[in-house]
C-alpha cells in the first residue's frame, strides 16, 4: 500500500548516462570518486560518456505544478523522459505514488501510461485521419472502452480545453494552438494523476502561447493534477510554477518558488536567467516582509497590504497614499500633475 504522506513523485540520485556500457562506467566512476557526483561526471566525460542527467534528487508534491527549466542541452527533457520512463534511467530511484517505476515491468508501464500518466509534447502527434473527437478518445479506445462512452468522455474534455464545436474537424483544419489543445485534451481524457509536459507551447506564436498558458492554469485549478512541465522560458516558468528546478549541464542547480528564484538566485547562471524579469510581478509581499505585526491595528491611512500581493500591487497601494505631485517641462514651467499611484500602476503588467 502506498504511503499517504509520500510525494506524488520522488527522484533519488537519478543519472542518465549515454554511451555503451554506461551503467558499469557510472558505477566505476562513482566508486573511483568516493561517490562525488562532480568528479564522477568529469571522469565519465573524459572516457567518452555523456552524463546528461547527474544525481538528480527532488520531490514533487501531490497537485504541485513543478517546472524544470534550463538552456538547450541542460538535460531537462532527458530528465522528464527518465521520470516518465520513456528512457530507462542509468541509475537512481524514481517513485510515482511510492511505486519505483525503474523496476516496473513492461506490462506495468503500459498500464501506468494508460491509466495514471498523461504526456504532452511540443509536437502535437495527432492522427491526421481522425477527427478531434476520435483523437481525444483514442486512449480510451486502447483501454477497451466502448465508442459511445469514450466519445461522451472526450466531449467533456474537449469542452474543458475550449474546443466545443470542433469535434468533427480534422487536425489539418485547426490552427497550431487548437491542435495543441487537442493534444492536451487527449492526455487528460483518461483522468491522469500525473501529467508530463515537455515544452508544449514553445512552437506557438507568443499571443497564442500566452492564451494557452492562461487556459492551462485554469485547467490545473479545476483538476489539481500533479504536473512536471519543461520549458526554456523563464517568464513561462515564473507564470506557471509552484516551484522551479533550474538545470545546467545535467545538474539541478537550484529549486525554489518563483519568488526565491527571482530574489535569491544561488549563482550567476540563475541570476542571468532572471536579470530581465520584472521582479515586482512574481515576488510577493511575504517574501520581503520583516518581523511580526505585534498587535498593530489598521489606521485611516493603512494601504491594506496582504501577504500574497505582488510587489507591484503593494507598491501601487502604498503610493495611493500620496497626493499628486507636479510635473515640470524643460523650461521649468509646471505642465501638470501626476498621481504616484498611477506611476506605480503603469509599471504593472496583467498576468494571470
Protein backbone atom coordinates (compact mmCIF):
# COMPACT_ATOMS: atom_id res chain seq x y z
CA UNK A 1 0.00 0.00 0.00
CA UNK A 2 1.25 3.49 -0.84
CA UNK A 3 2.29 5.84 1.93
CA UNK A 4 -0.38 8.55 2.09
CA UNK A 5 2.31 11.04 3.10
CA UNK A 6 4.62 10.17 0.20
CA UNK A 7 5.15 12.74 -2.54
CA UNK A 8 3.47 12.16 -5.88
CA UNK A 9 6.92 11.90 -7.50
CA UNK A 10 10.19 11.21 -5.70
CA UNK A 11 13.53 11.13 -7.53
CA UNK A 12 16.64 9.97 -5.71
CA UNK A 13 20.13 10.17 -7.24
CA UNK A 14 18.87 9.80 -10.80
CA UNK A 15 21.52 9.51 -13.53
CA UNK A 16 21.14 9.24 -17.28
CA UNK A 17 24.46 8.47 -18.95
CA UNK A 18 24.72 7.86 -22.68
CA UNK A 19 27.31 5.50 -24.11
CA UNK A 20 27.80 1.75 -24.44
CA UNK A 21 28.19 0.16 -21.01
CA UNK A 22 27.07 3.35 -19.25
CA UNK A 23 25.75 1.58 -16.14
CA UNK A 24 29.05 -0.13 -15.39
CA UNK A 25 31.01 3.02 -16.26
CA UNK A 26 28.89 5.08 -13.86
CA UNK A 27 29.34 2.58 -11.03
CA UNK A 28 33.10 2.58 -11.58
CA UNK A 29 33.24 6.40 -11.77
CA UNK A 30 31.30 6.81 -8.53
CA UNK A 31 33.45 4.22 -6.75
CA UNK A 32 36.61 5.87 -8.03
CA UNK A 33 35.46 9.34 -6.89
CA UNK A 34 34.18 8.26 -3.48
CA UNK A 35 30.58 8.91 -4.62
CA UNK A 36 31.40 12.51 -5.55
CA UNK A 37 28.99 13.31 -8.39
CA UNK A 38 31.02 16.13 -9.93
CA UNK A 39 34.22 14.09 -10.00
CA UNK A 40 32.34 11.10 -11.40
CA UNK A 41 30.86 13.26 -14.18
CA UNK A 42 34.30 14.58 -15.12
CA UNK A 43 35.66 11.05 -15.30
CA UNK A 44 32.72 9.89 -17.44
CA UNK A 45 33.26 12.72 -19.92
CA UNK A 46 36.98 12.04 -20.06
CA UNK A 47 36.25 8.43 -21.02
CA UNK A 48 33.77 9.27 -23.77
CA UNK A 49 30.44 9.06 -21.93
CA UNK A 50 27.75 11.77 -21.77
CA UNK A 51 26.24 12.33 -18.30
CA UNK A 52 23.00 14.02 -19.46
CA UNK A 53 21.38 13.89 -16.00
CA UNK A 54 23.57 13.86 -12.92
CA UNK A 55 22.47 12.82 -9.45
CA UNK A 56 19.02 14.47 -9.64
CA UNK A 57 17.19 14.35 -6.30
CA UNK A 58 13.86 16.10 -5.64
CA UNK A 59 10.21 15.55 -4.71
CA UNK A 60 7.02 16.77 -6.39
CA UNK A 61 4.04 17.11 -4.08
CA UNK A 62 0.59 15.87 -4.99
CA UNK A 63 -1.19 18.57 -7.03
CA UNK A 64 2.02 20.61 -7.48
CA UNK A 65 2.95 22.26 -10.77
CA UNK A 66 6.70 21.65 -10.87
CA UNK A 67 8.63 23.33 -13.70
CA UNK A 68 12.05 22.13 -14.85
CA UNK A 69 13.89 24.71 -16.94
CA UNK A 70 17.26 25.35 -18.45
CA UNK A 71 19.03 26.17 -21.68
CA UNK A 72 19.16 23.78 -24.62
CA UNK A 73 21.34 20.82 -23.66
CA UNK A 74 20.87 21.33 -19.92
CA UNK A 75 19.25 17.89 -19.51
CA UNK A 76 15.68 18.99 -18.75
CA UNK A 77 13.96 16.95 -21.48
CA UNK A 78 16.15 13.93 -20.73
CA UNK A 79 15.14 14.16 -17.07
CA UNK A 80 11.40 14.21 -17.81
CA UNK A 81 11.86 11.22 -20.10
CA UNK A 82 13.53 9.38 -17.24
CA UNK A 83 10.73 10.28 -14.81
CA UNK A 84 8.07 9.16 -17.30
CA UNK A 85 10.23 6.10 -18.15
CA UNK A 86 10.42 6.87 -21.84
CA UNK A 87 14.12 6.47 -21.06
CA UNK A 88 15.34 3.88 -18.58
CA UNK A 89 17.46 5.79 -16.06
CA UNK A 90 21.05 4.56 -15.81
CA UNK A 91 20.89 4.72 -12.01
CA UNK A 92 18.74 6.01 -9.20
CA UNK A 93 15.22 5.61 -7.92
CA UNK A 94 12.08 7.18 -9.37
CA UNK A 95 8.90 6.68 -7.40
CA UNK A 96 5.44 7.68 -8.60
CA UNK A 97 2.88 7.35 -5.81
CA UNK A 98 5.55 5.39 -3.93
CA UNK A 99 6.00 2.83 -6.72
CA UNK A 100 9.54 2.54 -8.07
CA UNK A 101 8.92 2.66 -11.81
CA UNK A 102 12.59 2.00 -12.61
CA UNK A 103 11.88 -1.59 -11.57
CA UNK A 104 8.43 -1.80 -13.21
CA UNK A 105 7.78 -4.44 -15.85
CA UNK A 106 6.95 -3.54 -19.43
CA UNK A 107 3.32 -4.53 -18.85
CA UNK A 108 3.10 -2.41 -15.70
CA UNK A 109 4.50 0.61 -17.57
CA UNK A 110 1.86 0.19 -20.27
CA UNK A 111 -0.82 0.10 -17.57
CA UNK A 112 0.58 3.23 -15.89
CA UNK A 113 0.63 5.16 -19.16
CA UNK A 114 -2.92 4.14 -19.95
CA UNK A 115 -4.43 4.95 -16.56
CA UNK A 116 -2.15 7.18 -14.46
CA UNK A 117 0.36 9.11 -16.57
CA UNK A 118 -0.52 11.75 -19.19
CA UNK A 119 2.02 13.20 -21.61
CA UNK A 120 2.07 16.24 -23.92
CA UNK A 121 5.00 17.17 -26.12
CA UNK A 122 5.98 20.12 -28.30
CA UNK A 123 4.96 18.28 -31.47
CA UNK A 124 1.27 17.55 -31.46
CA UNK A 125 1.42 13.91 -32.63
CA UNK A 126 -2.23 13.80 -33.72
CA UNK A 127 -3.63 11.18 -36.06
CA UNK A 128 -4.36 13.12 -39.28
CA UNK A 129 -7.08 10.70 -40.44
CA UNK A 130 -9.04 11.02 -37.17
CA UNK A 131 -11.44 13.76 -36.10
CA UNK A 132 -10.81 15.83 -32.99
CA UNK A 133 -13.24 13.65 -31.04
CA UNK A 134 -11.59 10.41 -32.17
CA UNK A 135 -8.09 11.76 -31.48
CA UNK A 136 -9.07 12.75 -27.95
CA UNK A 137 -10.94 9.48 -27.32
CA UNK A 138 -8.10 7.29 -28.61
CA UNK A 139 -6.56 6.48 -25.17
CA UNK A 140 -9.98 5.22 -24.04
CA UNK A 141 -10.25 3.10 -27.17
CA UNK A 142 -6.92 1.48 -26.24
CA UNK A 143 -8.39 0.72 -22.81
CA UNK A 144 -11.26 -1.13 -24.49
CA UNK A 145 -13.99 1.37 -23.58
CA UNK A 146 -17.00 1.39 -25.93
CA UNK A 147 -17.36 4.10 -28.56
CA UNK A 148 -20.42 5.82 -27.05
CA UNK A 149 -18.85 6.06 -23.59
CA UNK A 150 -15.44 7.19 -24.80
CA UNK A 151 -16.88 9.89 -27.09
CA UNK A 152 -19.03 11.19 -24.24
CA UNK A 153 -15.92 11.47 -22.04
CA UNK A 154 -13.96 13.03 -24.90
CA UNK A 155 -16.70 15.63 -25.36
CA UNK A 156 -16.32 16.72 -21.71
CA UNK A 157 -12.56 17.19 -22.06
CA UNK A 158 -12.87 18.92 -25.44
CA UNK A 159 -15.17 21.44 -23.78
CA UNK A 160 -12.66 21.85 -20.92
CA UNK A 161 -9.88 22.89 -23.35
CA UNK A 162 -12.14 25.31 -25.24
CA UNK A 163 -12.76 23.32 -28.42
CA UNK A 164 -16.50 22.67 -28.14
CA UNK A 165 -17.98 22.62 -31.64
CA UNK A 166 -14.76 21.34 -33.22
CA UNK A 167 -15.35 17.65 -32.50
CA UNK A 168 -15.87 16.72 -36.17
CA UNK A 169 -12.89 18.67 -37.51
CA UNK A 170 -9.66 17.06 -38.65
CA UNK A 171 -6.21 18.27 -37.46
CA UNK A 172 -5.48 19.88 -40.85
CA UNK A 173 -8.49 22.16 -40.30
CA UNK A 174 -7.17 23.52 -36.99
CA UNK A 175 -4.65 26.20 -36.06
CA UNK A 176 -1.47 25.32 -34.20
CA UNK A 177 -2.95 26.43 -30.89
CA UNK A 178 -6.08 24.37 -31.49
CA UNK A 179 -4.04 21.28 -32.36
CA UNK A 180 -2.11 21.65 -29.15
CA UNK A 181 -5.41 21.87 -27.26
CA UNK A 182 -6.38 18.55 -28.83
CA UNK A 183 -3.09 17.07 -27.58
CA UNK A 184 -3.78 18.39 -24.09
CA UNK A 185 -7.32 17.00 -24.15
CA UNK A 186 -6.09 13.59 -25.31
CA UNK A 187 -3.64 13.42 -22.42
CA UNK A 188 -6.37 14.32 -19.92
CA UNK A 189 -9.18 12.08 -21.14
CA UNK A 190 -8.05 9.05 -19.11
CA UNK A 191 -8.13 11.10 -15.87
CA UNK A 192 -4.35 11.01 -15.45
CA UNK A 193 -3.00 11.57 -11.95
CA UNK A 194 0.46 12.71 -13.08
CA UNK A 195 0.93 14.88 -16.15
CA UNK A 196 4.19 15.38 -18.05
CA UNK A 197 4.52 18.28 -20.50
CA UNK A 198 7.71 18.88 -22.50
CA UNK A 199 7.73 22.43 -23.93
CA UNK A 200 4.11 22.10 -25.11
CA UNK A 201 3.73 25.75 -26.11
CA UNK A 202 7.18 26.64 -27.44
CA UNK A 203 6.26 26.18 -31.13
CA UNK A 204 3.34 28.60 -30.91
CA UNK A 205 3.12 32.33 -31.61
CA UNK A 206 3.58 34.50 -28.47
CA UNK A 207 -0.05 35.64 -28.26
CA UNK A 208 -1.44 32.10 -28.65
CA UNK A 209 1.18 30.87 -26.21
CA UNK A 210 0.08 33.31 -23.50
CA UNK A 211 -3.55 32.40 -24.10
CA UNK A 212 -2.82 28.69 -23.73
CA UNK A 213 -0.80 29.35 -20.57
CA UNK A 214 -3.82 31.11 -19.08
CA UNK A 215 -6.13 28.27 -20.09
CA UNK A 216 -3.64 25.72 -18.77
CA UNK A 217 -3.67 27.39 -15.35
CA UNK A 218 -7.48 27.31 -15.35
CA UNK A 219 -7.45 23.60 -16.16
CA UNK A 220 -4.92 22.95 -13.39
CA UNK A 221 -7.06 24.91 -10.90
CA UNK A 222 -10.01 22.63 -11.71
CA UNK A 223 -8.22 19.28 -11.87
CA UNK A 224 -5.36 19.79 -9.35
CA UNK A 225 -3.26 17.23 -11.24
CA UNK A 226 0.41 16.70 -10.34
CA UNK A 227 2.39 18.25 -13.19
CA UNK A 228 6.01 18.23 -14.34
CA UNK A 229 6.40 20.92 -17.00
CA UNK A 230 9.52 21.54 -19.11
CA UNK A 231 10.39 24.95 -20.55
CA UNK A 232 13.40 27.06 -21.52
CA UNK A 233 11.42 30.30 -20.95
CA UNK A 234 11.88 31.92 -17.53
CA UNK A 235 8.72 34.02 -17.90
CA UNK A 236 6.66 30.92 -18.65
CA UNK A 237 8.21 29.15 -15.67
CA UNK A 238 7.51 32.05 -13.33
CA UNK A 239 3.94 32.36 -14.54
CA UNK A 240 3.02 28.69 -14.21
CA UNK A 241 5.13 27.14 -11.46
CA UNK A 242 4.54 26.39 -7.83
CA UNK A 243 8.25 25.59 -7.75
CA UNK A 244 11.03 25.69 -10.35
CA UNK A 245 14.09 23.48 -10.77
CA UNK A 246 16.83 25.07 -12.88
CA UNK A 247 19.26 22.75 -14.66
CA UNK A 248 22.72 23.31 -16.10
CA UNK A 249 24.92 20.68 -17.77
CA UNK A 250 22.77 17.84 -16.46
CA UNK A 251 22.67 19.06 -12.85
CA UNK A 252 19.91 20.73 -10.85
CA UNK A 253 21.49 23.94 -9.54
CA UNK A 254 18.52 25.46 -7.70
CA UNK A 255 14.98 24.52 -6.70
CA UNK A 256 12.66 27.19 -5.35
CA UNK A 257 9.45 29.12 -5.65
CA UNK A 258 9.26 31.78 -8.36
CA UNK A 259 9.97 34.46 -5.74
CA UNK A 260 13.01 32.56 -4.43
CA UNK A 261 14.42 32.12 -7.93
CA UNK A 262 13.97 35.81 -8.75
CA UNK A 263 15.02 37.33 -5.42
CA UNK A 264 17.65 34.82 -4.24
CA UNK A 265 19.47 33.20 -7.20
CA UNK A 266 22.18 30.84 -6.00
CA UNK A 267 24.74 31.73 -8.67
CA UNK A 268 25.41 33.82 -11.78
CA UNK A 269 23.80 31.22 -14.05
CA UNK A 270 20.43 31.50 -12.28
CA UNK A 271 20.89 35.26 -11.93
CA UNK A 272 21.36 35.57 -15.69
CA UNK A 273 18.00 33.87 -16.28
CA UNK A 274 16.13 36.34 -14.12
CA UNK A 275 18.05 39.56 -14.74
CA UNK A 276 15.46 40.99 -17.15
CA UNK A 277 12.44 39.72 -15.22
CA UNK A 278 10.07 42.29 -13.75
CA UNK A 279 10.55 41.10 -10.17
CA UNK A 280 7.52 43.00 -8.91
CA UNK A 281 5.23 40.75 -10.95
CA UNK A 282 6.46 37.49 -9.42
CA UNK A 283 7.60 38.25 -5.87
CA UNK A 284 5.03 38.77 -3.14
CA UNK A 285 4.90 40.93 -0.05
CA UNK A 286 5.57 37.92 2.20
CA UNK A 287 8.97 37.46 0.56
CA UNK A 288 10.23 40.89 1.68
CA UNK A 289 8.24 41.36 4.89
CA UNK A 290 10.18 41.88 8.13
CA UNK A 291 9.22 40.96 11.69
CA UNK A 292 5.79 40.41 13.22
CA UNK A 293 2.83 42.78 13.44
CA UNK A 294 2.66 42.69 17.23
CA UNK A 295 -0.87 43.98 17.79
CA UNK A 296 -0.76 46.81 15.23
CA UNK A 297 -4.25 47.96 14.26
CA UNK A 298 -5.04 49.38 10.80
CA UNK A 299 -5.23 53.16 10.79
CA UNK A 300 -7.12 55.51 8.46
CA UNK A 301 -4.20 55.63 6.01
CA UNK A 302 -3.48 51.89 6.01
CA UNK A 303 -2.98 50.78 2.38
CA UNK A 304 -4.37 47.29 3.07
CA UNK A 305 -1.38 45.17 2.06
CA UNK A 306 -1.75 41.39 2.03
CA UNK A 307 0.99 38.75 2.15
CA UNK A 308 0.00 37.32 -1.24
CA UNK A 309 0.04 40.65 -3.10
CA UNK A 310 2.70 41.09 -5.75
CA UNK A 311 5.29 43.77 -5.04
CA UNK A 312 3.89 45.81 -7.94
CA UNK A 313 0.39 45.75 -6.48
CA UNK A 314 1.67 46.54 -2.98
CA UNK A 315 3.71 49.48 -4.26
CA UNK A 316 0.67 50.87 -6.05
CA UNK A 317 -1.35 50.59 -2.82
CA UNK A 318 1.31 52.43 -0.84
CA UNK A 319 1.73 55.11 -3.48
CA UNK A 320 -2.02 55.74 -3.40
CA UNK A 321 -1.47 57.49 -0.03
CA UNK A 322 0.46 60.31 -1.71
CA UNK A 323 -1.02 63.49 -3.12
CA UNK A 324 -0.49 64.22 -6.84
CA UNK A 325 2.88 65.85 -7.49
CA UNK A 326 3.78 68.48 -10.11
CA UNK A 327 5.47 67.66 -13.43
CA UNK A 328 7.81 70.28 -14.98
CA UNK A 329 8.91 70.81 -18.55
CA UNK A 330 12.49 71.56 -19.65
CA UNK A 331 11.89 75.29 -19.29
CA UNK A 332 10.89 74.94 -15.65
CA UNK A 333 7.16 75.51 -16.14
CA UNK A 334 4.63 73.33 -14.37
CA UNK A 335 2.74 71.45 -17.08
CA UNK A 336 0.60 69.15 -14.97
CA UNK A 337 0.44 66.77 -12.05
CA UNK A 338 0.78 63.01 -11.71
CA UNK A 339 -0.59 60.70 -9.09
CA UNK A 340 2.23 58.48 -7.72
CA UNK A 341 -0.22 55.57 -7.69
CA UNK A 342 -0.64 55.99 -11.45
CA UNK A 343 3.12 55.78 -11.90
CA UNK A 344 3.21 52.51 -9.98
CA UNK A 345 0.16 51.09 -11.75
CA UNK A 346 1.61 51.90 -15.17
CA UNK A 347 4.53 49.58 -14.45
CA UNK A 348 2.26 46.63 -13.72
CA UNK A 349 1.54 44.06 -16.40
CA UNK A 350 -1.62 41.99 -16.39
CA UNK A 351 -0.55 38.42 -15.76
CA UNK A 352 -2.76 35.55 -14.70
